[in-house]
Amino acid sequence: MRAPLSDYVVVDLETTGLDVKTGAMPIEIGAVRVTNGHRADTFETLINPGAIIPWEVTQLTGITNRMLIGQPDVIQTTRMFDRWLHTGTVVMAHNAPFDIGFLDMMASLAGTTFDHPWTDTLEMVRRLHPMRLRHRVTDLIVYYGIADNEAHRALSDAIQEQQVYEAMKKETFGKGPEH
């Protein structure tokens, strides 16, 4: 973390699997827009992936196949999110290559590109706390006193990830009006 960000969007996706290359699809996207260091807006929608959700994913997220009936598909969701995101917005995620891989795939299906600068809070915390054994959001929200469990729902996870970033930012740069 060379300089603190005060304007960015934290994004989190829930998916049918762990690898976009093996056909996993997004089932929920949640995002938090931060402007001048303050939460300014949110984006949240379930996504109909056009496929059955594995039982394990439903157990983890609570998202059922029934909940996705009538929800926007990947292309519709991509267009809505792209309008909300705005051009040039810095996107942040924990383990960003995972989320960015899905956003790239979604954009490709919609006939566009996901052309936003991005940063990874997982890499940030690994540099800040190299001796910590675990750098998962679940561990970080406890470490920073944000919460005691991760919800595994996109918007609540994005909010917790934004709070983790703000805690790391204070830890790294201190507090003051310029942050």
C-alpha atoms as a PDB file:
ATOM      1  CA  MET A   1       0.000   0.000   0.000  1.00  0.00           C
ATOM      2  CA  ARG A   2       1.983   2.977  -1.268  1.00  0.00           C
ATOM      3  CA  ALA A   3      -0.725   5.585  -0.801  1.00  0.00           C
ATOM      4  CA  PRO A   4      -4.179   5.374   0.761  1.00  0.00           C
ATOM      5  CA  LEU A   5      -7.196   5.264  -1.516  1.00  0.00           C
ATOM      6  CA  SER A   6     -10.163   7.444  -0.627  1.00  0.00           C
ATOM      7  CA  ASP A   7     -12.272   6.736  -3.745  1.00  0.00           C
ATOM      8  CA  TYR A   8     -12.803   3.099  -4.738  1.00  0.00           C
ATOM      9  CA  VAL A   9     -15.334   0.281  -5.041  1.00  0.00           C
ATOM     10  CA  VAL A  10     -15.049  -2.969  -3.087  1.00  0.00           C
ATOM     11  CA  VAL A  11     -16.645  -5.899  -4.903  1.00  0.00           C
ATOM     12  CA  ASP A  12     -17.453  -9.444  -3.826  1.00  0.00           C
ATOM     13  CA  LEU A  13     -19.058 -12.265  -5.790  1.00  0.00           C
ATOM     14  CA  GLU A  14     -20.671 -15.512  -4.764  1.00  0.00           C
ATOM     15  CA  THR A  15     -20.288 -18.223  -7.399  1.00  0.00           C
ATOM     16  CA  THR A  16     -21.274 -21.782  -8.282  1.00  0.00           C
ATOM     17  CA  GLY A  17     -17.654 -22.900  -7.965  1.00  0.00           C
ATOM     18  CA  LEU A  18     -14.090 -21.771  -7.504  1.00  0.00           C
ATOM     19  CA  ASP A  19     -12.792 -21.653 -11.066  1.00  0.00           C
ATOM     20  CA  VAL A  20     -14.236 -19.608 -13.907  1.00  0.00           C
ATOM     21  CA  LYS A  21     -12.150 -21.745 -16.315  1.00  0.00           C
ATOM     22  CA  THR A  22     -14.119 -24.882 -15.389  1.00  0.00           C
ATOM     23  CA  GLY A  23     -17.512 -23.252 -15.925  1.00  0.00           C
ATOM     24  CA  ALA A  24     -18.272 -21.766 -12.506  1.00  0.00           C
ATOM     25  CA  MET A  25     -20.741 -18.901 -12.770  1.00  0.00           C
ATOM     26  CA  PRO A  26     -21.576 -15.916 -10.560  1.00  0.00           C
ATOM     27  CA  ILE A  27     -24.790 -16.083  -8.524  1.00  0.00           C
ATOM     28  CA  GLU A  28     -24.523 -12.828  -6.583  1.00  0.00           C
ATOM     29  CA  ILE A  29     -22.597  -9.579  -6.762  1.00  0.00           C
ATOM     30  CA  GLY A  30     -22.288  -6.990  -4.041  1.00  0.00           C
ATOM     31  CA  ALA A  31     -20.280  -3.794  -4.100  1.00  0.00           C
ATOM     32  CA  VAL A  32     -19.635  -0.762  -1.926  1.00  0.00           C
ATOM     33  CA  ARG A  33     -18.692   2.610  -3.420  1.00  0.00           C
ATOM     34  CA  VAL A  34     -16.413   4.677  -1.178  1.00  0.00           C
ATOM     35  CA  THR A  35     -16.055   8.381  -1.898  1.00  0.00           C
ATOM     36  CA  ASN A  36     -13.711  10.596   0.114  1.00  0.00           C
ATOM     37  CA  GLY A  37     -13.194   7.686   2.504  1.00  0.00           C
ATOM     38  CA  HIS A  38     -16.907   7.255   3.283  1.00  0.00           C
ATOM     39  CA  ARG A  39     -19.372   4.625   2.138  1.00  0.00           C
ATOM     40  CA  ALA A  40     -21.467   6.413  -0.482  1.00  0.00           C
ATOM     41  CA  ASP A  41     -23.503   3.744  -2.294  1.00  0.00           C
ATOM     42  CA  THR A  42     -24.046   0.017  -2.652  1.00  0.00           C
ATOM     43  CA  PHE A  43     -24.886  -2.373  -5.467  1.00  0.00           C
ATOM     44  CA  GLU A  44     -26.387  -5.800  -4.871  1.00  0.00           C
ATOM     45  CA  THR A  45     -28.160  -8.374  -7.000  1.00  0.00           C
ATOM     46  CA  LEU A  46     -28.625 -12.087  -7.273  1.00  0.00           C
ATOM     47  CA  ILE A  47     -27.714 -13.502 -10.685  1.00  0.00           C
ATOM     48  CA  ASN A  48     -29.423 -16.341 -12.533  1.00  0.00           C
ATOM     49  CA  PRO A  49     -26.433 -18.353 -13.769  1.00  0.00           C
ATOM     50  CA  GLY A  50     -28.483 -20.564 -16.071  1.00  0.00           C
ATOM     51  CA  ALA A  51     -27.243 -23.585 -14.142  1.00  0.00           C
ATOM     52  CA  ILE A  52     -28.049 -25.491 -10.962  1.00  0.00           C
ATOM     53  CA  ILE A  53     -26.264 -24.310  -7.809  1.00  0.00           C
ATOM     54  CA  PRO A  54     -24.282 -27.089  -6.127  1.00  0.00           C
ATOM     55  CA  TRP A  55     -25.604 -28.107  -2.720  1.00  0.00           C
ATOM     56  CA  GLU A  56     -22.315 -27.093  -1.050  1.00  0.00           C
ATOM     57  CA  VAL A  57     -22.681 -23.532  -2.355  1.00  0.00           C
ATOM     58  CA  THR A  58     -26.235 -23.300  -1.014  1.00  0.00           C
ATOM     59  CA  GLN A  59     -24.984 -24.572   2.361  1.00  0.00           C
ATOM     60  CA  LEU A  60     -22.258 -21.902   2.430  1.00  0.00           C
ATOM     61  CA  THR A  61     -24.212 -18.915   1.098  1.00  0.00           C
ATOM     62  CA  GLY A  62     -27.844 -19.719   1.802  1.00  0.00           C
ATOM     63  CA  ILE A  63     -28.602 -18.918  -1.857  1.00  0.00           C
ATOM     64  CA  THR A  64     -30.987 -21.485  -3.333  1.00  0.00           C
ATOM     65  CA  ASN A  65     -31.903 -22.314  -6.927  1.00  0.00           C
ATOM     66  CA  ARG A  66     -35.425 -21.060  -6.211  1.00  0.00           C
ATOM     67  CA  MET A  67     -34.067 -17.635  -5.167  1.00  0.00           C
ATOM     68  CA  LEU A  68     -32.465 -17.209  -8.608  1.00  0.00           C
ATOM     69  CA  ILE A  69     -35.634 -17.743 -10.632  1.00  0.00           C
ATOM     70  CA  GLY A  70     -36.523 -14.454 -12.330  1.00  0.00           C
ATOM     71  CA  GLN A  71     -33.238 -12.780 -11.388  1.00  0.00           C
ATOM     72  CA  PRO A  72     -31.178 -11.015 -14.068  1.00  0.00           C
ATOM     73  CA  ASP A  73     -28.806 -13.202 -16.055  1.00  0.00           C
ATOM     74  CA  VAL A  74     -25.066 -12.616 -16.323  1.00  0.00           C
ATOM     75  CA  ILE A  75     -25.342 -10.262 -19.311  1.00  0.00           C
ATOM     76  CA  GLN A  76     -28.087  -8.131 -17.730  1.00  0.00           C
ATOM     77  CA  THR A  77     -26.175  -8.003 -14.441  1.00  0.00           C
ATOM     78  CA  THR A  78     -22.952  -7.006 -16.187  1.00  0.00           C
ATOM     79  CA  ARG A  79     -24.676  -4.102 -17.925  1.00  0.00           C
ATOM     80  CA  MET A  80     -26.327  -2.914 -14.686  1.00  0.00           C
ATOM     81  CA  PHE A  81     -23.065  -3.174 -12.728  1.00  0.00           C
ATOM     82  CA  ASP A  82     -21.054  -1.441 -15.445  1.00  0.00           C
ATOM     83  CA  ARG A  83     -23.485   1.520 -15.423  1.00  0.00           C
ATOM     84  CA  TRP A  84     -23.270   1.712 -11.620  1.00  0.00           C
ATOM     85  CA  LEU A  85     -19.467   1.329 -11.513  1.00  0.00           C
ATOM     86  CA  HIS A  86     -18.531   4.300 -13.742  1.00  0.00           C
ATOM     87  CA  THR A  87     -15.504   4.494 -16.024  1.00  0.00           C
ATOM     88  CA  GLY A  88     -12.068   4.336 -14.450  1.00  0.00           C
ATOM     89  CA  THR A  89     -13.184   3.429 -10.937  1.00  0.00           C
ATOM     90  CA  VAL A  90     -10.573   1.568  -8.886  1.00  0.00           C
ATOM     91  CA  VAL A  91     -11.959  -1.838  -7.925  1.00  0.00           C
ATOM     92  CA  MET A  92     -10.809  -3.585  -4.772  1.00  0.00           C
ATOM     93  CA  ALA A  93     -11.401  -7.156  -3.615  1.00  0.00           C
ATOM     94  CA  HIS A  94      -9.930  -9.675  -1.201  1.00  0.00           C
ATOM     95  CA  ASN A  95      -8.173 -12.239  -3.395  1.00  0.00           C
ATOM     96  CA  ALA A  96      -8.941  -9.945  -6.320  1.00  0.00           C
ATOM     97  CA  PRO A  97      -7.785 -12.296  -9.103  1.00  0.00           C
ATOM     98  CA  PHE A  98     -10.757 -14.550  -8.210  1.00  0.00           C
ATOM     99  CA  ASP A  99     -13.363 -11.778  -8.476  1.00  0.00           C
ATOM    100  CA  ILE A 100     -11.665 -10.052 -11.418  1.00  0.00           C
ATOM    101  CA  GLY A 101     -11.610 -13.369 -13.303  1.00  0.00           C
ATOM    102  CA  PHE A 102     -15.384 -13.607 -12.958  1.00  0.00           C
ATOM    103  CA  LEU A 103     -15.886  -9.934 -13.845  1.00  0.00           C
ATOM    104  CA  ASP A 104     -13.719 -10.437 -16.955  1.00  0.00           C
ATOM    105  CA  MET A 105     -15.784 -13.477 -17.957  1.00  0.00           C
ATOM    106  CA  MET A 106     -19.046 -11.619 -17.336  1.00  0.00           C
ATOM    107  CA  ALA A 107     -17.877  -8.675 -19.449  1.00  0.00           C
ATOM    108  CA  SER A 108     -16.813 -11.019 -22.231  1.00  0.00           C
ATOM    109  CA  LEU A 109     -20.262 -12.651 -22.269  1.00  0.00           C
ATOM    110  CA  ALA A 110     -21.810  -9.166 -22.469  1.00  0.00           C
ATOM    111  CA  GLY A 111     -19.565  -8.283 -25.426  1.00  0.00           C
ATOM    112  CA  THR A 112     -17.417  -5.790 -23.554  1.00  0.00           C
ATOM    113  CA  THR A 113     -14.309  -5.704 -21.373  1.00  0.00           C
ATOM    114  CA  PHE A 114     -13.817  -5.143 -17.671  1.00  0.00           C
ATOM    115  CA  ASP A 115     -11.380  -2.280 -17.990  1.00  0.00           C
ATOM    116  CA  HIS A 116     -10.852  -0.976 -14.461  1.00  0.00           C
ATOM    117  CA  PRO A 117      -7.730  -0.643 -12.364  1.00  0.00           C
ATOM    118  CA  TRP A 118      -7.885  -3.023  -9.420  1.00  0.00           C
ATOM    119  CA  THR A 119      -6.125  -3.782  -6.180  1.00  0.00           C
ATOM    120  CA  ASP A 120      -6.041  -6.790  -3.876  1.00  0.00           C
ATOM    121  CA  THR A 121      -6.519  -6.467  -0.113  1.00  0.00           C
ATOM    122  CA  LEU A 122      -5.178 -10.005   0.344  1.00  0.00           C
ATOM    123  CA  GLU A 123      -1.806  -8.920  -1.053  1.00  0.00           C
ATOM    124  CA  MET A 124      -1.923  -5.778   1.089  1.00  0.00           C
ATOM    125  CA  VAL A 125      -2.481  -7.689   4.320  1.00  0.00           C
ATOM    126  CA  ARG A 126       0.179 -10.262   3.424  1.00  0.00           C
ATOM    127  CA  ARG A 127       2.700  -7.412   3.128  1.00  0.00           C
ATOM    128  CA  LEU A 128       1.428  -5.664   6.264  1.00  0.00           C
ATOM    129  CA  HIS A 129       1.335  -8.851   8.394  1.00  0.00           C
ATOM    130  CA  PRO A 130       3.687 -11.402   6.812  1.00  0.00           C
ATOM    131  CA  MET A 131       3.958 -13.398  10.050  1.00  0.00           C
ATOM    132  CA  ARG A 132       0.206 -14.018  10.385  1.00  0.00           C
ATOM    133  CA  LEU A 133      -0.656 -17.595   9.506  1.00  0.00           C
ATOM    134  CA  ARG A 134      -3.987 -16.744   7.913  1.00  0.00           C
ATOM    135  CA  HIS A 135      -5.069 -13.765   5.860  1.00  0.00           C
ATOM    136  CA  ARG A 136      -8.678 -14.752   5.199  1.00  0.00           C
ATOM    137  CA  VAL A 137     -11.455 -12.186   5.586  1.00  0.00           C
ATOM    138  CA  THR A 138     -12.886 -14.381   8.360  1.00  0.00           C
ATOM    139  CA  ASP A 139      -9.668 -14.004  10.360  1.00  0.00           C
ATOM    140  CA  LEU A 140      -9.151 -10.314   9.556  1.00  0.00           C
ATOM    141  CA  ILE A 141     -12.601  -9.175  10.663  1.00  0.00           C
ATOM    142  CA  VAL A 142     -11.942 -10.761  14.041  1.00  0.00           C
ATOM    143  CA  TYR A 143      -8.379  -9.378  14.227  1.00  0.00           C
ATOM    144  CA  TYR A 144      -9.555  -5.833  13.480  1.00  0.00           C
ATOM    145  CA  GLY A 145     -12.668  -6.128  15.685  1.00  0.00           C
ATOM    146  CA  ILE A 146     -15.086  -5.689  12.785  1.00  0.00           C
ATOM    147  CA  ALA A 147     -17.230  -8.804  13.270  1.00  0.00           C
ATOM    148  CA  ASP A 148     -16.986 -12.367  14.490  1.00  0.00           C
ATOM    149  CA  ASN A 149     -18.010 -14.179  11.312  1.00  0.00           C
ATOM    150  CA  GLU A 150     -18.165 -13.780   7.557  1.00  0.00           C
ATOM    151  CA  ALA A 151     -21.642 -13.943   6.063  1.00  0.00           C
ATOM    152  CA  HIS A 152     -20.724 -15.411   2.636  1.00  0.00           C
ATOM    153  CA  ARG A 153     -23.190 -13.075   1.008  1.00  0.00           C
ATOM    154  CA  ALA A 154     -21.767 -10.653  -1.512  1.00  0.00           C
ATOM    155  CA  LEU A 155     -22.815  -7.262  -0.120  1.00  0.00           C
ATOM    156  CA  SER A 156     -22.128  -8.024   3.533  1.00  0.00           C
ATOM    157  CA  ASP A 157     -18.745  -9.496   2.592  1.00  0.00           C
ATOM    158  CA  ALA A 158     -17.920  -6.415   0.466  1.00  0.00           C
ATOM    159  CA  ILE A 159     -18.800  -4.174   3.433  1.00  0.00           C
ATOM    160  CA  GLN A 160     -16.560  -6.212   5.743  1.00  0.00           C
ATOM    161  CA  GLU A 161     -13.752  -6.142   3.180  1.00  0.00           C
ATOM    162  CA  GLN A 162     -14.099  -2.347   2.945  1.00  0.00           C
ATOM    163  CA  GLN A 163     -13.861  -2.133   6.738  1.00  0.00           C
ATOM    164  CA  VAL A 164     -10.737  -4.337   6.689  1.00  0.00           C
ATOM    165  CA  TYR A 165      -9.151  -2.034   4.101  1.00  0.00           C
ATOM    166  CA  GLU A 166      -9.963   1.049   6.176  1.00  0.00           C
ATOM    167  CA  ALA A 167      -8.435  -0.642   9.267  1.00  0.00           C
ATOM    168  CA  MET A 168      -5.292  -1.522   7.309  1.00  0.00           C
ATOM    169  CA  LYS A 169      -5.143   2.023   5.974  1.00  0.00           C
ATOM    170  CA  LYS A 170      -5.276   3.466   9.506  1.00  0.00           C
ATOM    171  CA  GLU A 171      -2.667   0.965  10.652  1.00  0.00           C
ATOM    172  CA  THR A 172      -0.354   1.904   7.783  1.00  0.00           C
ATOM    173  CA  PHE A 173      -0.866   5.642   7.433  1.00  0.00           C
ATOM    174  CA  GLY A 174      -2.415   6.682  10.739  1.00  0.00           C
ATOM    175  CA  LYS A 175      -5.480   8.833  10.894  1.00  0.00           C
ATOM    176  CA  GLY A 176      -5.959  12.385   9.912  1.00  0.00           C
ATOM    177  CA  PRO A 177      -8.066  14.601   7.678  1.00  0.00           C
ATOM    178  CA  GLU A 178      -6.110  13.664   4.542  1.00  0.00           C
ATOM    179  CA  HIS A 179      -7.059   9.980   4.923  1.00  0.00           C
END
